[in-house]
Protein backbone atom coordinates (compact mmCIF):
# COMPACT_ATOMS: atom_id res chain seq x y z
CA MET A 1 49.71 -44.69 77.17
CA PHE A 2 49.73 -42.56 80.30
CA LYS A 3 47.99 -45.38 82.18
CA MET A 4 50.59 -47.78 80.86
CA VAL A 5 53.60 -45.83 82.11
CA GLU A 6 51.92 -45.42 85.49
CA ASN A 7 52.13 -49.17 85.92
CA GLU A 8 54.92 -49.92 88.40
CA ASP A 9 55.88 -53.06 86.47
CA ASN A 10 57.26 -50.92 83.65
CA VAL A 11 60.11 -49.55 85.76
CA THR A 12 62.52 -48.90 82.89
CA ILE A 13 59.90 -47.03 80.88
CA ILE A 14 58.92 -44.95 83.89
CA GLN A 15 62.55 -44.07 84.62
CA ALA A 16 63.18 -43.13 81.01
CA ILE A 17 60.07 -40.98 80.66
CA ARG A 18 60.36 -39.28 84.05
CA LYS A 19 63.54 -37.57 82.91
CA GLY A 20 61.65 -35.34 80.53
CA TYR A 21 58.17 -33.99 79.85
CA HIS A 22 55.28 -36.35 79.26
CA ILE A 23 53.03 -35.19 76.45
CA VAL A 24 49.80 -37.15 76.28
CA TYR A 25 47.48 -36.83 73.28
CA GLY A 26 43.88 -37.81 74.00
CA LEU A 27 41.48 -39.44 71.56
CA ASP A 28 39.29 -36.38 71.83
CA HIS A 29 42.12 -34.21 70.47
CA THR A 30 43.15 -32.98 73.91
CA LEU A 31 46.75 -32.35 74.97
CA GLN A 32 48.16 -32.82 78.44
CA ILE A 33 51.74 -32.11 79.59
CA TYR A 34 53.11 -33.72 82.73
CA ARG A 35 56.40 -33.32 84.50
CA TRP A 36 57.76 -35.58 87.22
CA ASN A 37 59.61 -33.68 89.97
CA ARG A 38 62.38 -35.97 91.16
CA TYR A 39 62.83 -33.95 94.35
CA SER A 40 59.23 -33.71 95.55
CA HIS A 41 58.30 -37.09 94.02
CA GLN A 42 55.16 -35.52 92.60
CA ARG A 43 53.74 -35.12 89.13
CA THR A 44 52.91 -31.59 88.04
CA THR A 45 50.68 -30.53 85.17
CA ILE A 46 51.68 -27.81 82.72
CA ASP A 47 49.05 -25.77 80.92
CA PRO A 48 49.56 -26.47 77.19
CA HIS A 49 48.06 -23.04 76.35
CA ASN A 50 50.50 -21.20 78.63
CA ILE A 51 53.67 -23.25 78.76
CA THR A 52 56.19 -22.13 81.40
CA VAL A 53 59.14 -24.25 82.41
CA PRO A 54 59.01 -24.75 86.19
CA ASP A 55 62.18 -24.02 88.17
CA GLU A 56 62.51 -27.25 90.10
CA MET A 57 65.87 -26.23 91.61
CA ARG A 58 64.34 -23.56 93.85
CA ASP A 59 63.16 -26.19 96.30
CA LEU A 60 64.86 -29.58 96.53
CA TYR A 61 62.40 -30.89 99.14
CA GLY A 62 65.10 -32.28 101.43
CA TYR A 63 67.07 -33.98 98.65
CA THR A 64 70.38 -35.34 99.95
CA ILE A 65 73.37 -33.85 98.10
CA THR A 66 76.20 -36.31 98.69
CA MET A 67 79.83 -35.33 98.14
CA TYR A 68 82.58 -37.91 98.05
CA THR A 69 85.77 -36.79 99.79
CA LEU A 70 88.46 -38.56 101.75
CA GLU A 71 88.39 -38.03 105.49
CA GLU A 72 91.95 -36.69 105.66
CA ILE A 73 91.03 -34.05 103.09
CA SER A 74 87.66 -33.07 104.57
CA GLN A 75 89.29 -32.43 107.95
CA VAL A 76 91.52 -29.77 106.40
CA MET A 77 89.57 -28.34 103.46
CA THR A 78 86.53 -27.46 105.55
CA PHE A 79 85.25 -24.92 103.04
CA ASP A 80 83.97 -27.78 100.89
CA ALA A 81 81.55 -28.79 103.65
CA TYR A 82 80.68 -25.14 104.28
CA PHE A 83 79.91 -24.62 100.59
CA LEU A 84 77.79 -27.76 100.46
CA GLU A 85 75.84 -26.69 103.55
CA LEU A 86 75.36 -23.25 102.01
CA ILE A 87 73.72 -24.72 98.92
CA ALA A 88 71.60 -27.07 101.01
CA SER A 89 70.35 -24.29 103.28
CA LYS A 90 69.43 -22.08 100.33
CA ARG A 91 67.58 -24.78 98.40
CA ASN A 92 65.96 -26.84 101.19
CA ALA A 93 68.29 -29.80 100.80
CA THR A 94 70.51 -31.96 102.98
CA ALA A 95 74.30 -32.03 102.63
CA ILE A 96 76.41 -35.10 103.36
CA GLN A 97 80.12 -35.78 102.94
CA THR A 98 81.22 -39.40 102.75
CA ASP A 99 84.40 -41.35 102.04
CA HIS A 100 82.51 -44.43 100.84
CA TYR A 101 82.23 -44.32 97.07
CA SER A 102 79.05 -45.43 95.35
CA TYR A 103 78.04 -44.09 91.96
CA LYS A 104 74.33 -44.35 92.77
CA ILE A 105 74.46 -42.01 95.76
CA ILE A 106 77.41 -39.73 94.95
CA ASP A 107 76.38 -36.39 93.42
CA VAL A 108 79.64 -34.44 93.70
CA LEU A 109 83.17 -35.78 93.27
CA PRO A 110 86.29 -33.56 93.60
CA LEU A 111 88.83 -34.17 90.84
CA VAL A 112 92.43 -33.90 91.99
CA ASN A 113 93.94 -33.79 88.49
CA VAL A 114 92.05 -32.95 85.30
CA GLN A 115 94.99 -33.23 82.93
CA ASN A 116 93.88 -34.64 79.56
CA MET A 117 90.43 -35.29 81.01
CA ILE A 118 87.43 -34.63 78.78
CA ILE A 119 84.20 -35.00 80.76
CA PRO A 120 81.15 -32.78 80.09
CA TRP A 121 80.03 -32.70 83.72
CA ILE A 122 83.14 -31.00 85.12
CA VAL A 123 82.51 -27.80 87.08
CA PRO A 124 85.57 -25.53 87.62
CA SER A 125 85.68 -24.62 91.28
CA PHE A 126 87.66 -22.51 93.75
CA GLY A 127 91.17 -23.35 94.88
CA THR A 128 93.90 -25.04 92.87
CA THR A 129 95.51 -28.44 92.54
CA PHE A 130 99.03 -28.99 91.25
CA LEU A 131 102.01 -31.31 91.32
CA ALA A 132 104.57 -30.01 93.80
CA VAL A 133 108.21 -30.99 94.05
CA VAL A 134 109.23 -31.67 97.65
CA VAL A 135 112.92 -30.78 97.93
CA PRO A 136 115.33 -30.86 100.89
CA ARG A 137 115.90 -27.58 102.68
CA ALA A 138 119.26 -25.89 102.38
CA LYS A 139 121.57 -26.99 105.17
CA PRO A 140 123.87 -24.66 107.14
CA LYS A 141 127.30 -24.39 105.59
CA PRO A 142 130.29 -25.98 107.39
CA ILE A 143 132.61 -23.80 109.46
CA VAL A 144 135.39 -24.15 106.86
CA SER A 145 133.26 -22.24 104.34
CA ILE A 146 133.98 -19.10 106.37
CA LEU A 147 137.40 -18.99 104.70
CA ILE A 148 135.84 -19.08 101.22
CA ASP A 149 132.65 -17.05 101.51
CA PRO A 150 133.98 -13.51 102.27
CA PHE A 151 135.04 -12.92 98.67
CA ASP A 152 133.21 -14.39 95.72
CA LEU A 153 134.72 -15.60 92.48
CA TYR A 154 134.46 -12.21 90.79
CA VAL A 155 136.61 -10.57 93.50
CA TRP A 156 139.37 -13.13 93.06
CA ILE A 157 139.22 -12.83 89.26
CA THR A 158 139.47 -9.04 89.55
CA TYR A 159 142.44 -9.37 91.89
CA LEU A 160 144.17 -11.77 89.51
CA MET A 161 143.60 -9.40 86.58
CA LEU A 162 145.09 -6.58 88.67
CA VAL A 163 148.17 -8.67 89.46
CA LEU A 164 148.66 -9.58 85.80
CA THR A 165 148.19 -5.96 84.71
CA MET A 166 150.73 -4.73 87.26
CA ALA A 167 153.15 -7.50 86.29
CA VAL A 168 152.97 -6.46 82.63
CA THR A 169 153.41 -2.80 83.56
CA ILE A 170 156.38 -3.47 85.86
CA SER A 171 158.04 -5.76 83.31
CA MET A 172 157.82 -2.96 80.73
CA PHE A 173 158.63 0.12 82.85
CA GLY A 174 160.18 -1.19 86.11
CA LYS A 175 163.77 -0.25 86.97
CA PHE A 176 164.76 -3.28 89.09
CA LEU A 177 161.88 -5.77 89.04
CA GLY A 178 161.48 -5.12 85.32
CA ARG A 179 164.69 -7.03 84.71
CA ARG A 180 163.27 -10.23 86.19
CA HIS A 181 161.20 -12.98 84.57
CA PHE A 182 157.47 -12.25 84.12
CA MET A 183 156.35 -15.19 86.30
CA GLU A 184 158.82 -14.08 88.96
CA ILE A 185 157.14 -10.66 89.02
CA VAL A 186 153.68 -12.26 89.32
CA LEU A 187 154.78 -14.41 92.27
CA GLU A 188 156.45 -11.42 93.92
CA LEU A 189 153.22 -9.39 93.69
CA ILE A 190 151.25 -12.25 95.29
CA MET A 191 153.86 -12.47 98.05
CA MET A 192 153.60 -8.72 98.64
CA CYS A 193 149.92 -9.14 99.46
CA LEU A 194 150.54 -12.10 101.78
CA ALA A 195 153.81 -11.31 103.57
CA GLY A 196 155.40 -8.21 102.04
CA PRO A 197 158.17 -7.75 99.43
CA SER A 198 161.00 -10.29 99.20
CA ARG A 199 163.00 -8.68 96.36
CA ALA A 200 164.66 -5.31 96.16
CA TYR A 201 162.89 -2.75 94.04
CA GLY A 202 163.51 0.91 93.33
CA GLY A 203 162.98 3.78 91.00
CA THR A 204 160.23 6.38 91.16
CA PHE A 205 157.69 4.35 89.20
CA GLU A 206 158.29 1.07 91.04
CA ASN A 207 158.30 2.72 94.46
CA ARG A 208 154.94 4.41 93.93
CA ILE A 209 153.09 1.57 92.23
CA ILE A 210 154.35 -1.09 94.65
CA THR A 211 153.59 1.12 97.66
CA LEU A 212 149.99 1.56 96.45
CA PHE A 213 149.75 -2.18 95.79
CA CYS A 214 150.97 -3.00 99.31
CA LEU A 215 148.44 -0.58 100.82
CA MET A 216 145.71 -2.20 98.76
CA GLY A 217 146.88 -5.61 99.98
CA ILE A 218 146.63 -4.47 103.59
CA VAL A 219 143.06 -3.26 103.00
CA LEU A 220 142.18 -6.49 101.21
CA VAL A 221 143.51 -8.75 103.96
CA SER A 222 141.94 -6.60 106.70
CA SER A 223 138.56 -6.74 104.96
CA TYR A 224 138.91 -10.49 104.59
CA GLN A 225 139.67 -10.95 108.29
CA SER A 226 136.78 -8.68 109.34
CA LEU A 227 134.34 -10.61 107.17
CA VAL A 228 135.58 -13.92 108.55
CA ILE A 229 135.03 -12.70 112.13
CA SER A 230 131.54 -11.41 111.32
CA PHE A 231 130.61 -14.63 109.51
CA MET A 232 131.46 -16.63 112.62
CA SER A 233 128.31 -15.25 114.30
CA TYR A 234 126.11 -15.49 111.19
CA VAL A 235 124.51 -18.74 110.04
CA ARG A 236 124.96 -19.19 106.30
CA TYR A 237 122.97 -21.64 104.21
CA GLY A 238 123.51 -23.25 100.85
CA ALA A 239 121.44 -22.41 97.79
CA GLU A 240 117.80 -23.53 97.80
CA ILE A 241 116.35 -25.69 95.02
CA ASN A 242 113.63 -23.76 93.20
CA THR A 243 114.02 -23.62 89.42
CA LEU A 244 113.45 -26.44 86.97
CA GLU A 245 117.14 -26.45 86.07
CA GLU A 246 118.14 -26.82 89.73
CA ILE A 247 115.66 -29.68 90.15
CA HIS A 248 117.19 -31.49 87.16
CA GLU A 249 120.73 -30.96 88.45
CA ARG A 250 120.42 -31.55 92.20
CA CYS A 251 117.46 -33.90 92.71
CA LEU A 252 117.02 -37.65 92.52
CA PHE A 253 113.51 -39.12 92.34
CA GLN A 254 112.04 -42.54 92.83
CA ASP A 255 111.68 -44.37 89.54
CA ASP A 256 107.96 -43.90 88.87
CA SER A 257 105.66 -42.51 86.18
CA ASP A 258 105.85 -38.90 87.40
CA ALA A 259 109.64 -38.84 87.28
CA LYS A 260 109.60 -40.36 83.79
CA LEU A 261 107.01 -37.81 82.64
CA PHE A 262 109.33 -34.90 83.46
CA ASN A 263 112.54 -36.79 82.59
CA PHE A 264 114.01 -36.38 86.08
CA LYS A 265 117.02 -38.32 87.32
CA THR A 266 115.96 -41.36 89.35
CA PHE A 267 117.46 -43.83 91.80
CA PRO A 268 116.74 -47.59 92.07
CA ASP A 269 114.04 -48.72 94.48
CA GLU A 270 116.47 -50.69 96.62
CA MET A 271 118.81 -47.72 97.14
CA TYR A 272 118.02 -44.49 99.00
CA PRO A 273 120.42 -41.68 98.02
CA GLY A 274 120.05 -39.64 101.21
CA SER A 275 117.81 -36.80 102.34
CA ASN A 276 120.09 -34.14 100.86
CA VAL A 277 119.31 -35.13 97.25
CA ALA A 278 116.15 -37.26 97.47
CA CYS A 279 113.11 -35.37 96.15
CA LEU A 280 109.47 -36.29 95.80
CA ILE A 281 106.59 -35.35 93.53
CA GLU A 282 103.25 -35.13 95.32
CA THR A 283 99.79 -33.83 94.57
CA ALA A 284 99.07 -30.60 96.43
CA ARG A 285 96.03 -28.46 96.99
CA ASP A 286 96.11 -24.66 97.36
CA ASN A 287 99.37 -24.36 99.33
CA GLU A 288 102.08 -26.25 101.17
CA GLN A 289 100.67 -25.82 104.66
CA GLN A 290 97.29 -27.38 103.90
CA THR A 291 98.94 -30.17 101.92
CA ILE A 292 101.23 -31.05 104.84
CA ILE A 293 98.30 -31.21 107.26
CA MET A 294 96.38 -33.46 104.87
CA GLY A 295 99.42 -35.73 104.65
CA SER A 296 99.73 -35.84 108.44
CA ASN A 297 96.14 -37.06 108.71
CA THR A 298 97.14 -40.25 106.90
CA ILE A 299 99.63 -41.21 109.62
CA LYS A 300 98.48 -44.45 111.24
CA ASP A 301 101.21 -44.57 113.89
CA LYS A 302 99.69 -45.29 117.29
CA GLN A 303 102.50 -43.59 119.17
CA GLU A 304 101.73 -40.39 120.99
CA ASN A 305 102.33 -37.16 119.05
CA ALA A 306 103.11 -39.10 115.86
CA THR A 307 101.29 -36.51 113.75
CA GLU A 308 103.10 -33.58 115.38
CA ARG A 309 106.47 -35.30 114.93
CA TYR A 310 105.70 -35.93 111.26
CA ILE A 311 104.79 -32.28 110.68
CA ARG A 312 107.89 -31.05 112.53
CA HIS A 313 110.18 -33.37 110.57
CA ARG A 314 108.52 -32.40 107.30
CA ILE A 315 108.76 -28.66 107.95
CA GLU A 316 112.34 -28.67 109.24
CA ASN A 317 113.82 -30.84 106.50
CA PHE A 318 111.73 -30.37 103.35
CA ARG A 319 109.85 -27.69 101.46
CA PHE A 320 108.01 -27.07 98.19
CA ALA A 321 110.13 -25.82 95.32
CA LYS A 322 108.77 -22.69 93.66
CA THR A 323 108.39 -24.59 90.39
CA LYS A 324 104.95 -26.21 90.02
CA PHE A 325 103.61 -28.61 87.43
CA ILE A 326 100.14 -29.22 85.97
CA GLU A 327 98.39 -26.50 87.99
CA TYR A 328 94.62 -26.38 87.46
CA PRO A 329 91.63 -24.98 89.31
CA LEU A 330 90.01 -27.54 91.55
CA CYS A 331 87.21 -29.17 89.56
CA TRP A 332 84.16 -31.12 90.63
CA LEU A 333 82.42 -33.88 88.79
CA VAL A 334 78.76 -33.00 89.37
CA LYS A 335 75.82 -35.04 88.17
CA MET A 336 73.89 -33.38 85.40
CA HIS A 337 70.73 -32.54 87.36
CA LEU A 338 72.78 -30.47 89.87
CA ARG A 339 75.35 -28.98 87.51
CA GLU A 340 73.50 -25.71 86.86
CA LEU A 341 72.98 -25.21 90.59
CA PHE A 342 76.67 -25.67 91.38
CA LEU A 343 77.74 -23.41 88.52
CA PHE A 344 75.58 -20.63 89.95
CA TYR A 345 76.94 -20.85 93.50
CA VAL A 346 80.57 -21.37 92.42
CA GLN A 347 80.35 -18.17 90.40
CA ALA A 348 78.86 -16.42 93.44
CA VAL A 349 81.81 -17.57 95.56
CA PHE A 350 84.28 -16.29 92.96
CA GLU A 351 82.65 -12.87 92.79
CA SER A 352 82.32 -12.48 96.56
CA GLY A 353 85.83 -13.67 97.50
CA ILE A 354 84.45 -15.83 100.30
CA TYR A 355 86.94 -18.62 99.66
CA GLU A 356 90.04 -16.49 100.33
CA TYR A 357 88.34 -14.72 103.25
CA TYR A 358 87.36 -18.05 104.81
CA TYR A 359 90.89 -19.46 105.04
CA ASN A 360 92.64 -16.14 105.72
CA ASN A 361 90.50 -15.59 108.82
CA LYS A 362 90.59 -19.15 110.03
CA THR A 363 92.90 -20.09 112.88
CA GLN A 364 95.90 -21.90 111.43
CA PRO A 365 98.70 -23.84 113.16
CA THR A 366 101.46 -21.56 114.40
CA TRP A 367 104.31 -23.66 113.01
CA GLN A 368 106.43 -22.08 110.33
CA TYR A 369 110.05 -22.79 109.51
CA GLU A 370 112.55 -19.93 109.58
CA HIS A 371 116.26 -20.03 108.97
CA ARG A 372 118.41 -19.17 111.95
CA THR A 373 120.07 -15.85 111.32
CA PHE A 374 122.63 -15.73 114.12
CA VAL A 375 124.55 -18.40 115.98
CA ASN A 376 123.02 -18.83 119.42
CA GLN A 377 126.33 -18.70 121.22
CA VAL A 378 129.09 -16.23 122.06
CA VAL A 379 132.18 -16.29 119.88
CA ARG A 380 134.95 -17.72 122.07
CA THR A 381 138.71 -17.50 121.85
CA GLU A 382 138.86 -21.09 120.64
CA ASP A 383 136.61 -20.17 117.73
CA LEU A 384 139.14 -17.58 116.58
CA LEU A 385 141.63 -20.39 115.89
CA LEU A 386 140.13 -20.47 112.44
CA LEU A 387 141.82 -17.13 111.76
CA TRP A 388 145.15 -18.63 112.77
CA TYR A 389 144.51 -21.46 110.35
CA ALA A 390 143.95 -18.90 107.62
CA TYR A 391 147.16 -17.13 108.66
CA VAL A 392 149.15 -20.36 108.50
CA VAL A 393 147.71 -21.16 105.08
CA GLY A 394 148.68 -17.69 103.89
CA MET A 395 152.23 -18.12 105.19
CA VAL A 396 152.53 -21.49 103.48
CA VAL A 397 151.31 -20.01 100.20
CA SER A 398 153.77 -17.11 100.52
CA MET A 399 156.64 -19.52 101.19
CA LEU A 400 155.67 -21.60 98.17
CA CYS A 401 155.55 -18.44 96.08
CA PHE A 402 159.01 -17.45 97.36
CA ALA A 403 160.38 -20.89 96.56
CA ALA A 404 158.86 -20.83 93.08
CA GLU A 405 160.17 -17.31 92.57
CA THR A 406 163.67 -18.42 93.56
CA VAL A 407 163.56 -21.40 91.21
CA ILE A 408 162.39 -19.23 88.32
CA HIS A 409 165.09 -16.65 89.12
CA ILE A 410 167.83 -19.29 89.12
CA SER A 411 166.59 -20.93 85.93
CA SER A 412 166.30 -17.60 84.13
CA SER A 413 169.81 -16.59 85.28
CA ASN A 414 171.28 -19.80 83.90
């Protein structure tokens, strides 16, 4: 039988038997054990009286370990090539990265997404892959927002509660204003804060409480004006999109399978909603910076500095939301005869921390987006016109309050 399987015509039998141990029983009751080394292309003999399993992975005899990876990824994730060269140098092999897929020659295949994937040859590796949501960056607020931002909603609610409380107190215990209609008292208190009293008041209680209220109004208006002036030199931005709830509320996605998977709001293919609401789901590896560089390597524009312009536009206008989806360790699909070898060296990389050290100490591009903190210009006299606008609005509101107060006074008198 051994002579039969040595015949080169029986290729399928030879290939089938060379994957294991060949046990040959002789007619003279002898036993011989053979093992074909696929790396050295030699047949070794094992002593049947002292059986020891040879470690064929110690020396690969120049075997070519081929990893499939796209060129735009291999240019950025250089640790993959470093790791492959490390294994090859330790085990007398040759490492090759290629972007031409062929099952016969490919030994290692990176898996971008292993969701719902059940394959026995998967080797968990270093780094992570995930689905990132690319959202528009927060834009600077318009100049008109300076009139709204100094006090938040809670301040105005507190002020309104104070006015109502004082109106109730004055209507119950006031000597002069207490005789007027409740809404007339409320409007008078608002007018006191904007332009001073417009009705006569008196009595010890009214004099003291209204004097304190007017002083508080002066402090409130002065604080408001000071904050408006300071905000004119400070660049304020809208809220960023980070949480899943914010993504659902403020983002529109292209109508594809990813958007349907997470039940996101979509827009038709023929209509683009604008860069302020248009979001994108993309596959990312490790972090945003490396993912952007990998994306820039796919640019086929022949114009000069097309890649740099893409990166600049991407950094200045978009960012990754903090919410990630389907985050897994990077996994490799390794052929069975090399799986044990890769498991050993991947574990060694985990324990040594080489992966993090490699990228942390590697020279990275210097670009990084930062919000402008201060306006790069001197506040001019023309810019202060906004305060006059606020003053005019306040006067108009006070006049409306006075008119409403007069109408209520006349109607209540009748």
